[in-house]
Protein backbone atom coordinates (compact mmCIF):
# COMPACT_ATOMS: atom_id res chain seq x y z
CA VAL A 1 -35.96 -91.90 14.41
CA MET A 2 -38.37 -93.27 11.64
CA GLY A 3 -38.39 -91.80 8.67
CA GLU A 4 -41.76 -91.06 8.45
CA SER A 5 -41.53 -88.60 11.50
CA ILE A 6 -39.22 -86.27 9.53
CA GLY A 7 -41.15 -86.67 6.10
CA THR A 8 -39.32 -90.00 4.41
CA HIS A 9 -40.87 -93.24 3.86
CA GLU A 10 -42.51 -95.09 6.68
CA HIS A 11 -40.05 -97.74 7.10
CA ASP A 12 -36.59 -95.59 6.27
CA LEU A 13 -34.27 -95.25 9.20
CA ILE A 14 -32.70 -91.72 9.44
CA ALA A 15 -29.94 -90.63 11.85
CA ARG A 16 -30.68 -86.74 12.22
CA ILE A 17 -28.36 -84.93 14.20
CA ALA A 18 -28.69 -81.36 15.48
CA PHE A 19 -26.06 -79.12 17.69
CA ILE A 20 -24.81 -75.93 17.79
CA ASP A 21 -21.69 -74.96 19.93
CA TYR A 22 -21.09 -71.32 19.03
CA ASP A 23 -22.39 -67.77 19.76
CA GLY A 24 -24.65 -67.64 16.77
CA GLU A 25 -25.37 -63.72 17.23
CA ALA A 26 -21.49 -62.98 17.45
CA VAL A 27 -20.60 -65.56 14.23
CA TYR A 28 -23.77 -63.86 12.21
CA HIS A 29 -21.96 -60.40 12.89
CA GLN A 30 -18.72 -61.58 11.75
CA TYR A 31 -20.36 -63.33 8.68
CA LEU A 32 -22.24 -59.87 7.63
CA LYS A 33 -18.54 -57.85 8.14
CA HIS A 34 -16.52 -60.80 6.17
CA THR A 35 -18.72 -62.63 3.99
CA PRO A 36 -16.94 -65.63 2.57
CA HIS A 37 -17.87 -66.43 -0.86
CA THR A 38 -15.07 -69.19 -1.98
CA PHE A 39 -15.37 -72.90 -0.50
CA LYS A 40 -11.63 -72.27 0.92
CA GLU A 41 -13.07 -68.75 2.40
CA LYS A 42 -15.95 -70.62 3.87
CA GLU A 43 -13.88 -73.30 5.39
CA ALA A 44 -11.58 -70.84 6.99
CA PHE A 45 -14.51 -68.91 8.32
CA ILE A 46 -15.89 -72.16 10.01
CA LYS A 47 -12.67 -73.19 11.29
CA THR A 48 -12.11 -69.71 12.81
CA HIS A 49 -15.68 -68.99 14.36
CA MET A 50 -16.89 -72.55 14.99
CA SER A 51 -13.80 -74.52 15.61
CA HIS A 52 -15.61 -77.28 17.68
CA MET A 53 -18.30 -77.98 14.86
CA PHE A 54 -15.60 -78.19 12.25
CA GLU A 55 -13.97 -80.95 14.30
CA GLY A 56 -17.23 -82.44 14.83
CA PHE A 57 -18.19 -82.61 11.01
CA LYS A 58 -14.63 -84.18 10.43
CA THR A 59 -15.79 -86.68 12.96
CA ILE A 60 -19.08 -87.69 11.53
CA LYS A 61 -17.54 -87.53 7.82
CA GLN A 62 -15.03 -90.21 9.17
CA PHE A 63 -17.61 -92.10 11.04
CA VAL A 64 -19.63 -92.56 7.66
CA GLU A 65 -16.33 -93.56 5.67
CA ASP A 66 -15.79 -96.06 8.26
CA ILE A 67 -19.24 -97.73 8.07
CA LYS A 68 -19.57 -97.93 4.36
């Protein structure tokens, strides 16, 4: 994706990834019932309610570290 198409400089190359793999409405209601406050609570919430996305985040993080 050329950077200009998403509001950056014309020649910037940006990788934009958008995905969702969970029931947003159900997770939202769980969030309202049990809102996480600390980083540890937020991480546990994501692991519990969005486990596939958590694993995806870890994979993307490792990929970025590997190409540095």
